[in-house]
C-alpha atoms as a PDB file:
ATOM      1  CA  MET A   1       7.776  -8.880  34.299  1.00  0.00           C
ATOM      2  CA  SER A   2       8.183 -12.282  32.894  1.00  0.00           C
ATOM      3  CA  SER A   3      11.325 -13.522  31.000  1.00  0.00           C
ATOM      4  CA  GLY A   4      12.019 -11.879  27.816  1.00  0.00           C
ATOM      5  CA  GLU A   5       9.565  -9.038  28.547  1.00  0.00           C
ATOM      6  CA  GLN A   6      10.587  -5.453  27.974  1.00  0.00           C
ATOM      7  CA  LYS A   7       9.014  -2.251  29.430  1.00  0.00           C
ATOM      8  CA  LEU A   8       8.360   0.325  26.468  1.00  0.00           C
ATOM      9  CA  ALA A   9       6.316   2.732  28.330  1.00  0.00           C
ATOM     10  CA  ASP A  10       5.335   3.770  31.703  1.00  0.00           C
ATOM     11  CA  VAL A  11       2.969   6.767  32.107  1.00  0.00           C
ATOM     12  CA  THR A  12       0.358   8.283  34.228  1.00  0.00           C
ATOM     13  CA  GLY A  13      -2.981   8.927  32.687  1.00  0.00           C
ATOM     14  CA  LYS A  14      -6.471   8.019  32.724  1.00  0.00           C
ATOM     15  CA  PHE A  15      -8.588   5.158  31.606  1.00  0.00           C
ATOM     16  CA  THR A  16     -12.026   3.890  31.441  1.00  0.00           C
ATOM     17  CA  GLN A  17     -13.733   0.879  29.973  1.00  0.00           C
ATOM     18  CA  VAL A  18     -16.696   1.517  27.242  1.00  0.00           C
ATOM     19  CA  VAL A  19     -17.454  -1.906  26.002  1.00  0.00           C
ATOM     20  CA  ARG A  20     -17.642  -4.958  28.450  1.00  0.00           C
ATOM     21  CA  GLU A  21     -18.251  -8.499  26.787  1.00  0.00           C
ATOM     22  CA  GLY A  22     -19.941  -6.576  23.795  1.00  0.00           C
ATOM     23  CA  ARG A  23     -22.076  -4.553  25.941  1.00  0.00           C
ATOM     24  CA  LYS A  24     -21.772  -0.796  25.636  1.00  0.00           C
ATOM     25  CA  LEU A  25     -21.508   0.920  28.950  1.00  0.00           C
ATOM     26  CA  SER A  26     -22.930   4.638  28.741  1.00  0.00           C
ATOM     27  CA  ASP A  27     -22.413   5.588  32.321  1.00  0.00           C
ATOM     28  CA  THR A  28     -18.700   5.145  32.438  1.00  0.00           C
ATOM     29  CA  ASN A  29     -16.340   7.581  33.875  1.00  0.00           C
ATOM     30  CA  TRP A  30     -12.555   8.034  33.797  1.00  0.00           C
ATOM     31  CA  SER A  31     -10.445   6.863  36.363  1.00  0.00           C
ATOM     32  CA  ASN A  32      -6.865   7.747  37.269  1.00  0.00           C
ATOM     33  CA  GLY A  33      -3.895   5.342  36.758  1.00  0.00           C
ATOM     34  CA  ARG A  34      -0.703   4.274  35.912  1.00  0.00           C
ATOM     35  CA  ILE A  35      -0.238   2.669  32.359  1.00  0.00           C
ATOM     36  CA  VAL A  36       2.565   0.305  31.565  1.00  0.00           C
ATOM     37  CA  LEU A  37       3.364  -0.938  28.250  1.00  0.00           C
ATOM     38  CA  SER A  38       5.564  -3.715  27.371  1.00  0.00           C
ATOM     39  CA  ASN A  39       6.545  -5.920  24.381  1.00  0.00           C
ATOM     40  CA  LYS A  40       3.727  -8.333  25.759  1.00  0.00           C
ATOM     41  CA  ARG A  41       0.882  -6.503  27.427  1.00  0.00           C
ATOM     42  CA  ILE A  42      -0.737  -3.412  28.612  1.00  0.00           C
ATOM     43  CA  VAL A  43      -1.107  -3.157  32.267  1.00  0.00           C
ATOM     44  CA  ILE A  44      -3.431  -0.299  33.824  1.00  0.00           C
ATOM     45  CA  VAL A  45      -2.929  -0.076  37.610  1.00  0.00           C
ATOM     46  CA  SER A  46      -5.451   2.072  39.693  1.00  0.00           C
ATOM     47  CA  ASN A  47      -6.835   2.398  43.088  1.00  0.00           C
ATOM     48  CA  ASP A  48      -9.509  -0.344  42.055  1.00  0.00           C
ATOM     49  CA  GLY A  49      -6.974  -2.864  40.974  1.00  0.00           C
ATOM     50  CA  LYS A  50      -5.181  -3.770  37.798  1.00  0.00           C
ATOM     51  CA  VAL A  51      -6.434  -4.470  34.224  1.00  0.00           C
ATOM     52  CA  THR A  52      -4.028  -6.537  31.922  1.00  0.00           C
ATOM     53  CA  ILE A  53      -4.490  -6.485  28.093  1.00  0.00           C
ATOM     54  CA  PRO A  54      -2.222  -8.967  26.440  1.00  0.00           C
ATOM     55  CA  LEU A  55      -0.777  -7.424  23.070  1.00  0.00           C
ATOM     56  CA  GLY A  56      -1.521 -10.915  21.300  1.00  0.00           C
ATOM     57  CA  LYS A  57      -5.411 -10.205  21.684  1.00  0.00           C
ATOM     58  CA  VAL A  58      -5.544  -6.562  20.900  1.00  0.00           C
ATOM     59  CA  GLN A  59      -7.430  -6.343  17.785  1.00  0.00           C
ATOM     60  CA  SER A  60      -7.091  -2.818  16.554  1.00  0.00           C
ATOM     61  CA  ILE A  61      -6.609   0.801  17.929  1.00  0.00           C
ATOM     62  CA  ARG A  62      -9.013   3.262  17.216  1.00  0.00           C
ATOM     63  CA  GLY A  63     -10.012   7.148  17.537  1.00  0.00           C
ATOM     64  CA  ARG A  64     -12.717   8.461  19.667  1.00  0.00           C
ATOM     65  CA  TYR A  65     -15.404   6.531  21.219  1.00  0.00           C
ATOM     66  CA  ASP A  66     -17.608   9.201  22.934  1.00  0.00           C
ATOM     67  CA  VAL A  67     -20.286   7.208  24.880  1.00  0.00           C
ATOM     68  CA  ASN A  68     -21.234  10.053  27.106  1.00  0.00           C
ATOM     69  CA  GLN A  69     -20.412  13.836  27.692  1.00  0.00           C
ATOM     70  CA  THR A  70     -17.831  12.912  30.321  1.00  0.00           C
ATOM     71  CA  VAL A  71     -15.656  11.023  27.993  1.00  0.00           C
ATOM     72  CA  ALA A  72     -16.227  13.413  25.072  1.00  0.00           C
ATOM     73  CA  LYS A  73     -14.709  16.135  27.137  1.00  0.00           C
ATOM     74  CA  VAL A  74     -11.283  14.639  26.809  1.00  0.00           C
ATOM     75  CA  SER A  75      -9.723  15.371  23.818  1.00  0.00           C
ATOM     76  CA  ASN A  76      -6.541  13.216  23.684  1.00  0.00           C
ATOM     77  CA  TYR A  77      -7.422   9.656  23.921  1.00  0.00           C
ATOM     78  CA  ILE A  78      -7.356   6.255  21.793  1.00  0.00           C
ATOM     79  CA  SER A  79      -9.657   3.447  21.949  1.00  0.00           C
ATOM     80  CA  ILE A  80      -8.086  -0.031  22.499  1.00  0.00           C
ATOM     81  CA  ASN A  81     -10.246  -3.048  21.092  1.00  0.00           C
ATOM     82  CA  TYR A  82      -9.389  -6.090  23.057  1.00  0.00           C
ATOM     83  CA  GLY A  83     -11.702  -9.239  22.280  1.00  0.00           C
ATOM     84  CA  ALA A  84     -15.332  -8.142  22.998  1.00  0.00           C
ATOM     85  CA  ASN A  85     -13.966  -5.164  25.202  1.00  0.00           C
ATOM     86  CA  VAL A  86     -13.011  -1.712  24.406  1.00  0.00           C
ATOM     87  CA  TYR A  87     -10.759   0.580  26.954  1.00  0.00           C
ATOM     88  CA  LEU A  88      -9.979   3.990  26.351  1.00  0.00           C
ATOM     89  CA  VAL A  89      -6.574   5.491  27.639  1.00  0.00           C
ATOM     90  CA  SER A  90      -5.514   9.012  27.812  1.00  0.00           C
ATOM     91  CA  MET A  91      -2.147  10.686  28.635  1.00  0.00           C
ATOM     92  CA  GLY A  92       0.016  13.598  27.866  1.00  0.00           C
ATOM     93  CA  ASP A  93       1.419  12.221  24.577  1.00  0.00           C
ATOM     94  CA  VAL A  94      -1.142   9.893  23.354  1.00  0.00           C
ATOM     95  CA  GLN A  95       0.144   9.612  19.816  1.00  0.00           C
ATOM     96  CA  GLU A  96       3.523   8.649  21.101  1.00  0.00           C
ATOM     97  CA  PHE A  97       1.923   5.802  23.008  1.00  0.00           C
ATOM     98  CA  GLU A  98      -0.198   4.566  20.108  1.00  0.00           C
ATOM     99  CA  LEU A  99       2.943   4.555  18.091  1.00  0.00           C
ATOM    100  CA  GLN A 100       4.638   2.517  20.872  1.00  0.00           C
ATOM    101  CA  ILE A 101       1.744  -0.132  20.879  1.00  0.00           C
ATOM    102  CA  GLN A 102       1.663  -0.258  17.031  1.00  0.00           C
ATOM    103  CA  LYS A 103       5.353  -1.006  17.047  1.00  0.00           C
ATOM    104  CA  ALA A 104       5.128  -3.387  19.654  1.00  0.00           C
ATOM    105  CA  VAL A 105       2.877  -5.527  17.679  1.00  0.00           C
ATOM    106  CA  LEU A 106       3.763  -4.963  14.191  1.00  0.00           C
ATOM    107  CA  ASP A 107       7.830  -4.474  14.244  1.00  0.00           C
ATOM    108  CA  GLY A 108       9.499  -7.556  12.924  1.00  0.00           C
ATOM    109  CA  GLU A 109       6.149  -9.190  11.923  1.00  0.00           C
ATOM    110  CA  ILE A 110       5.994 -11.059   8.319  1.00  0.00           C
ATOM    111  CA  VAL A 111       3.144 -10.047   6.187  1.00  0.00           C
ATOM    112  CA  LEU A 112       2.524 -10.594   2.401  1.00  0.00           C
ATOM    113  CA  VAL A 113       2.780  -7.834   0.129  1.00  0.00           C
ATOM    114  CA  LYS A 114       1.434  -7.350  -3.379  1.00  0.00           C
ATOM    115  CA  HIS A 115       2.987  -4.118  -4.820  1.00  0.00           C
ATOM    116  CA  PRO A 116       2.055  -2.236  -6.813  1.00  0.00           C
ATOM    117  CA  ALA A 117      -1.232  -4.075  -7.056  1.00  0.00           C
ATOM    118  CA  VAL A 118      -2.661  -1.224  -9.055  1.00  0.00           C
ATOM    119  CA  LYS A 119      -0.997   1.776 -10.835  1.00  0.00           C
ATOM    120  CA  GLY A 120      -2.588   4.512 -12.342  1.00  0.00           C
ATOM    121  CA  GLY A 121      -5.967   2.724 -12.190  1.00  0.00           C
ATOM    122  CA  VAL A 122      -4.446  -0.275 -14.071  1.00  0.00           C
ATOM    123  CA  VAL A 123      -4.315  -3.888 -12.422  1.00  0.00           C
ATOM    124  CA  GLN A 124      -0.765  -4.793 -12.331  1.00  0.00           C
ATOM    125  CA  ASP A 125       0.867  -8.364 -12.538  1.00  0.00           C
ATOM    126  CA  SER A 126       2.365  -8.393  -9.125  1.00  0.00           C
ATOM    127  CA  SER A 127       2.891 -11.299  -7.001  1.00  0.00           C
ATOM    128  CA  TRP A 128       2.396 -11.596  -3.361  1.00  0.00           C
ATOM    129  CA  ARG A 129       5.905 -11.568  -1.524  1.00  0.00           C
ATOM    130  CA  LYS A 130       6.725 -12.030   2.078  1.00  0.00           C
ATOM    131  CA  ALA A 131       7.986  -8.620   3.672  1.00  0.00           C
ATOM    132  CA  ARG A 132       9.041  -7.812   7.264  1.00  0.00           C
ATOM    133  CA  VAL A 133       7.317  -4.848   8.932  1.00  0.00           C
ATOM    134  CA  LYS A 134       8.827  -1.886  10.638  1.00  0.00           C
ATOM    135  CA  ILE A 135       6.496   1.053  11.832  1.00  0.00           C
ATOM    136  CA  ASN A 136       8.116   4.587  12.237  1.00  0.00           C
ATOM    137  CA  GLU A 137       6.361   7.808  13.145  1.00  0.00           C
ATOM    138  CA  GLY A 138       4.061   8.628  10.074  1.00  0.00           C
ATOM    139  CA  VAL A 139       5.480   5.668   7.970  1.00  0.00           C
ATOM    140  CA  ALA A 140       4.827   1.772   7.461  1.00  0.00           C
ATOM    141  CA  ASN A 141       8.003   0.287   5.986  1.00  0.00           C
ATOM    142  CA  PHE A 142       7.931  -3.335   4.257  1.00  0.00           C
ATOM    143  CA  ALA A 143      11.194  -4.930   3.691  1.00  0.00           C
ATOM    144  CA  ILE A 144      10.415  -7.413   0.815  1.00  0.00           C
ATOM    145  CA  GLU A 145      12.369 -10.673   0.813  1.00  0.00           C
ATOM    146  CA  SER A 146      13.614 -10.046  -2.706  1.00  0.00           C
ATOM    147  CA  GLY A 147      15.612  -6.973  -1.149  1.00  0.00           C
ATOM    148  CA  GLU A 148      13.171  -4.373  -2.310  1.00  0.00           C
ATOM    149  CA  PHE A 149      11.556  -1.734   0.152  1.00  0.00           C
ATOM    150  CA  VAL A 150       8.198  -0.485  -0.014  1.00  0.00           C
ATOM    151  CA  GLN A 151       7.341   2.715   2.188  1.00  0.00           C
ATOM    152  CA  ILE A 152       3.815   4.028   2.757  1.00  0.00           C
ATOM    153  CA  GLU A 153       3.530   7.385   4.176  1.00  0.00           C
ATOM    154  CA  VAL A 154       0.593   7.914   6.563  1.00  0.00           C
ATOM    155  CA  ASP A 155      -0.256  11.407   5.420  1.00  0.00           C
ATOM    156  CA  ASP A 156      -0.017  10.329   1.665  1.00  0.00           C
ATOM    157  CA  VAL A 157      -2.737   7.428   2.187  1.00  0.00           C
ATOM    158  CA  GLY A 158      -5.930   8.297   0.270  1.00  0.00           C
ATOM    159  CA  THR A 159      -8.100   5.373   0.979  1.00  0.00           C
ATOM    160  CA  VAL A 160      -7.781   2.214   3.185  1.00  0.00           C
ATOM    161  CA  GLU A 161     -10.213  -0.728   2.294  1.00  0.00           C
ATOM    162  CA  SER A 162     -10.546  -3.980   4.086  1.00  0.00           C
ATOM    163  CA  ASP A 163     -11.468  -7.256   2.165  1.00  0.00           C
ATOM    164  CA  GLU A 164     -10.886 -11.174   2.045  1.00  0.00           C
ATOM    165  CA  ARG A 165      -9.249 -12.545  -0.728  1.00  0.00           C
ATOM    166  CA  THR A 166      -7.734 -15.690  -1.926  1.00  0.00           C
ATOM    167  CA  VAL A 167      -3.919 -15.440  -1.114  1.00  0.00           C
ATOM    168  CA  ARG A 168      -1.738 -18.403  -1.844  1.00  0.00           C
ATOM    169  CA  SER A 169      -4.771 -20.722  -1.958  1.00  0.00           C
ATOM    170  CA  GLN A 170      -6.299 -19.406   1.066  1.00  0.00           C
ATOM    171  CA  GLU A 171      -8.911 -16.916   2.136  1.00  0.00           C
ATOM    172  CA  ARG A 172      -7.203 -14.115   4.027  1.00  0.00           C
ATOM    173  CA  PRO A 173      -7.849 -10.644   5.198  1.00  0.00           C
ATOM    174  CA  VAL A 174      -6.391  -7.966   2.713  1.00  0.00           C
ATOM    175  CA  ILE A 175      -5.731  -4.464   3.208  1.00  0.00           C
ATOM    176  CA  GLU A 176      -5.909  -2.154   0.277  1.00  0.00           C
ATOM    177  CA  ALA A 177      -4.040   1.267   0.611  1.00  0.00           C
ATOM    178  CA  GLU A 178      -3.954   3.873  -2.029  1.00  0.00           C
ATOM    179  CA  HIS A 179      -1.011   6.229  -1.885  1.00  0.00           C
ATOM    180  CA  THR A 180       1.524   7.709  -4.633  1.00  0.00           C
ATOM    181  CA  GLU A 181       4.730   6.610  -5.953  1.00  0.00           C
ATOM    182  CA  GLY A 182       7.040   8.487  -8.134  1.00  0.00           C
ATOM    183  CA  GLY A 183       4.005  10.832  -8.639  1.00  0.00           C
ATOM    184  CA  SER A 184       1.584   7.979  -9.618  1.00  0.00           C
ATOM    185  CA  SER A 185      -1.265   6.633  -7.706  1.00  0.00           C
ATOM    186  CA  VAL A 186      -0.858   3.142  -6.561  1.00  0.00           C
ATOM    187  CA  GLN A 187      -2.498   0.746  -4.462  1.00  0.00           C
ATOM    188  CA  THR A 188      -0.470  -1.785  -2.339  1.00  0.00           C
ATOM    189  CA  TYR A 189      -2.059  -4.876  -1.069  1.00  0.00           C
ATOM    190  CA  LEU A 190      -1.175  -6.305   2.262  1.00  0.00           C
ATOM    191  CA  SER A 191      -2.170  -9.728   3.922  1.00  0.00           C
ATOM    192  CA  GLY A 192      -1.252 -11.419   7.304  1.00  0.00           C
ATOM    193  CA  SER A 193      -2.826 -12.473  10.313  1.00  0.00           C
ATOM    194  CA  SER A 194      -6.287 -10.859  11.438  1.00  0.00           C
ATOM    195  CA  GLN A 195      -4.340  -8.897  14.160  1.00  0.00           C
ATOM    196  CA  ASN A 196      -1.536  -7.782  11.891  1.00  0.00           C
ATOM    197  CA  CYS A 197      -4.114  -6.711   9.004  1.00  0.00           C
ATOM    198  CA  ALA A 198      -6.405  -4.826  11.908  1.00  0.00           C
ATOM    199  CA  MET A 199      -3.193  -3.114  13.070  1.00  0.00           C
ATOM    200  CA  LEU A 200      -1.886  -1.980   9.892  1.00  0.00           C
ATOM    201  CA  LYS A 201      -5.268  -0.646   9.042  1.00  0.00           C
ATOM    202  CA  SER A 202      -5.209   1.298  12.512  1.00  0.00           C
ATOM    203  CA  VAL A 203      -1.972   2.848  11.305  1.00  0.00           C
ATOM    204  CA  LEU A 204      -3.006   3.620   7.561  1.00  0.00           C
ATOM    205  CA  ASP A 205      -6.380   5.028   8.547  1.00  0.00           C
ATOM    206  CA  ARG A 206      -5.080   8.017  10.354  1.00  0.00           C
ATOM    207  CA  GLY A 207      -4.099   9.143   6.869  1.00  0.00           C
ATOM    208  CA  ALA A 208      -7.285   8.265   5.078  1.00  0.00           C
ATOM    209  CA  GLU A 209      -9.469   9.739   7.805  1.00  0.00           C
ATOM    210  CA  LYS A 210      -7.535  13.008   7.510  1.00  0.00           C
ATOM    211  CA  ASN A 211      -7.736  13.059   3.473  1.00  0.00           C
ATOM    212  CA  ALA A 212     -11.570  12.108   3.362  1.00  0.00           C
ATOM    213  CA  SER A 213     -12.974  13.345   0.242  1.00  0.00           C
ATOM    214  CA  GLN A 214     -16.140  15.202   1.689  1.00  0.00           C
ATOM    215  CA  ILE A 215     -15.963  18.450  -0.295  1.00  0.00           C
ATOM    216  CA  ASP A 216     -18.414  20.268  -2.507  1.00  0.00           C
ATOM    217  CA  LEU A 217     -16.892  20.915  -5.873  1.00  0.00           C
ATOM    218  CA  SER A 218     -18.360  22.398  -9.252  1.00  0.00           C
ATOM    219  CA  GLY A 219     -18.526  20.343 -12.277  1.00  0.00           C
ATOM    220  CA  LYS A 220     -15.511  22.033 -13.755  1.00  0.00           C
ATOM    221  CA  GLU A 221     -13.228  21.412 -10.642  1.00  0.00           C
ATOM    222  CA  GLU A 222     -14.107  17.956 -10.962  1.00  0.00           C
ATOM    223  CA  GLU A 223     -13.069  17.822 -14.330  1.00  0.00           C
ATOM    224  CA  VAL A 224      -9.848  19.311 -13.837  1.00  0.00           C
ATOM    225  CA  LEU A 225      -9.098  16.812 -11.102  1.00  0.00           C
ATOM    226  CA  MET A 226     -10.116  13.828 -13.374  1.00  0.00           C
ATOM    227  CA  ALA A 227      -7.951  15.199 -15.957  1.00  0.00           C
ATOM    228  CA  ILE A 228      -5.065  15.397 -13.714  1.00  0.00           C
ATOM    229  CA  TYR A 229      -5.663  12.117 -12.300  1.00  0.00           C
ATOM    230  CA  SER A 230      -5.738  10.317 -15.780  1.00  0.00           C
ATOM    231  CA  GLY A 231      -2.145  11.714 -16.409  1.00  0.00           C
ATOM    232  CA  VAL A 232      -2.925  15.007 -18.271  1.00  0.00           C
ATOM    233  CA  SER A 233      -0.054  17.628 -17.520  1.00  0.00           C
ATOM    234  CA  PRO A 234      -1.535  20.620 -15.609  1.00  0.00           C
ATOM    235  CA  PHE A 235      -0.117  22.784 -18.251  1.00  0.00           C
ATOM    236  CA  GLU A 236      -2.401  21.180 -20.810  1.00  0.00           C
ATOM    237  CA  VAL A 237      -5.553  21.061 -18.818  1.00  0.00           C
ATOM    238  CA  PRO A 238      -6.944  24.353 -20.407  1.00  0.00           C
ATOM    239  CA  GLU A 239      -6.695  23.019 -23.789  1.00  0.00           C
ATOM    240  CA  PHE A 240      -7.705  19.338 -22.823  1.00  0.00           C
ATOM    241  CA  LEU A 241     -10.910  20.631 -21.162  1.00  0.00           C
ATOM    242  CA  ASP A 242     -11.385  23.476 -23.711  1.00  0.00           C
ATOM    243  CA  ILE A 243     -11.428  26.085 -20.507  1.00  0.00           C
ATOM    244  CA  GLU A 244      -9.931  29.437 -20.466  1.00  0.00           C
ATOM    245  CA  THR A 245      -6.360  29.432 -18.904  1.00  0.00           C
ATOM    246  CA  ASP A 246      -7.271  32.185 -16.372  1.00  0.00           C
ATOM    247  CA  GLU A 247     -10.421  30.140 -15.335  1.00  0.00           C
ATOM    248  CA  VAL A 248      -8.280  26.905 -14.773  1.00  0.00           C
ATOM    249  CA  GLU A 249      -5.646  29.072 -12.788  1.00  0.00           C
ATOM    250  CA  GLU A 250      -8.573  30.337 -10.525  1.00  0.00           C
ATOM    251  CA  ILE A 251      -9.786  26.276 -10.026  1.00  0.00           C
ATOM    252  CA  TYR A 252      -6.174  25.635  -9.154  1.00  0.00           C
ATOM    253  CA  GLU A 253      -5.933  28.479  -6.549  1.00  0.00           C
ATOM    254  CA  ARG A 254      -9.349  27.137  -4.910  1.00  0.00           C
ATOM    255  CA  LEU A 255      -8.236  23.457  -4.818  1.00  0.00           C
ATOM    256  CA  ILE A 256      -4.871  24.472  -3.349  1.00  0.00           C
ATOM    257  CA  GLU A 257      -6.735  26.318  -0.542  1.00  0.00           C
ATOM    258  CA  LEU A 258      -8.840  23.365   0.131  1.00  0.00           C
ATOM    259  CA  GLN A 259      -5.646  21.193   0.214  1.00  0.00           C
ATOM    260  CA  VAL A 260      -6.758  19.169  -2.801  1.00  0.00           C
ATOM    261  CA  LEU A 261      -3.922  20.249  -4.921  1.00  0.00           C
ATOM    262  CA  GLU A 262      -0.400  20.971  -3.869  1.00  0.00           C
ATOM    263  CA  GLU A 263       1.672  23.420  -5.764  1.00  0.00           C
ATOM    264  CA  VAL A 264       4.852  21.988  -7.099  1.00  0.00           C
ATOM    265  CA  ARG A 265       6.421  24.677  -9.030  1.00  0.00           C
ATOM    266  CA  VAL A 266       5.496  28.773  -9.196  1.00  0.00           C
ATOM    267  CA  ARG A 267       4.608  28.329 -12.951  1.00  0.00           C
ATOM    268  CA  ARG A 268       1.414  26.416 -11.741  1.00  0.00           C
ATOM    269  CA  GLU A 269       2.493  22.932 -11.966  1.00  0.00           C
ATOM    270  CA  VAL A 270       0.238  21.215  -9.486  1.00  0.00           C
ATOM    271  CA  ALA A 271      -0.118  17.474  -8.054  1.00  0.00           C
ATOM    272  CA  LEU A 272      -2.841  15.735  -6.704  1.00  0.00           C
ATOM    273  CA  LYS A 273      -2.784  15.256  -2.775  1.00  0.00           C
ATOM    274  CA  PRO A 274      -4.538  12.335  -1.449  1.00  0.00           C
ATOM    275  CA  ARG A 275      -7.857  14.135  -0.970  1.00  0.00           C
ATOM    276  CA  GLY A 276      -7.632  15.023  -4.421  1.00  0.00           C
ATOM    277  CA  ARG A 277      -7.106  11.455  -5.502  1.00  0.00           C
ATOM    278  CA  ASN A 278     -10.161  10.438  -3.604  1.00  0.00           C
ATOM    279  CA  ILE A 279     -12.614  12.931  -5.138  1.00  0.00           C
ATOM    280  CA  ALA A 280     -11.236  12.352  -8.937  1.00  0.00           C
ATOM    281  CA  SER A 281     -11.428   8.514  -8.305  1.00  0.00           C
ATOM    282  CA  GLU A 282     -15.082   9.007  -6.920  1.00  0.00           C
ATOM    283  CA  ALA A 283     -16.020  11.494  -9.854  1.00  0.00           C
ATOM    284  CA  MET A 284     -14.762   9.083 -12.662  1.00  0.00           C
ATOM    285  CA  ASN A 285     -16.809   6.025 -11.093  1.00  0.00           C
ATOM    286  CA  ASN A 286     -19.853   8.215 -11.103  1.00  0.00           C
ATOM    287  CA  LYS A 287     -19.314   9.014 -14.740  1.00  0.00           C
END
């Protein structure tokens, strides 16, 4: 290894290339290999030779990329987007390996943070501030230059969107992440290099994909979610919507089963989960 290079992981697994120079390879197959990760590159060694992927050129890490049945049969793999190429790697603990890549790329990086950019649906007068990134399992941490600390739990992320915005007089990529803070729905905006934004999106997308809002709900169920999303106390929802208390309780039960709400106290105090925030927000936008 070169000077200053540190080995972070060295595992056996398998790999395959599914996109080469922008061209999708449908006839690809898995090859066994040794997969080494350092703070500068990923090296895959097999009987056919060696593949080196510089970390500085990794654009993002994604989930499944099933180009054929052979690839689809393997359940635990990640796709590494590198230039116009995509490699799939699989090993025993693929989530730990993915975390190590994210940490290698992002830990210590300086990004710009706008927090909270939106709170309770209301745009805030927040400014862009520099922050240092630290990725832990299930959490993205941002140490703001002012001493403030912003933490985004991946499982709490409702939506993640990419955009281009004018940030400090320059057009920059921006990640908009919806999550909660102190019981309120907030959006945190993140901006930095193209790679940093793509990798941060890879981190936060795990929660957004898990909490996607594709559930069929009745009109009353959506009204209950919108009321809670708007700040109405769960105890006041029956009176606010003019619905019988027993019926609201039944709605709560169903939404808890669907993991849209979570029970806070036995006396039926509930709070919106990320999926519930997504449904309520979409329902309000459609009104």
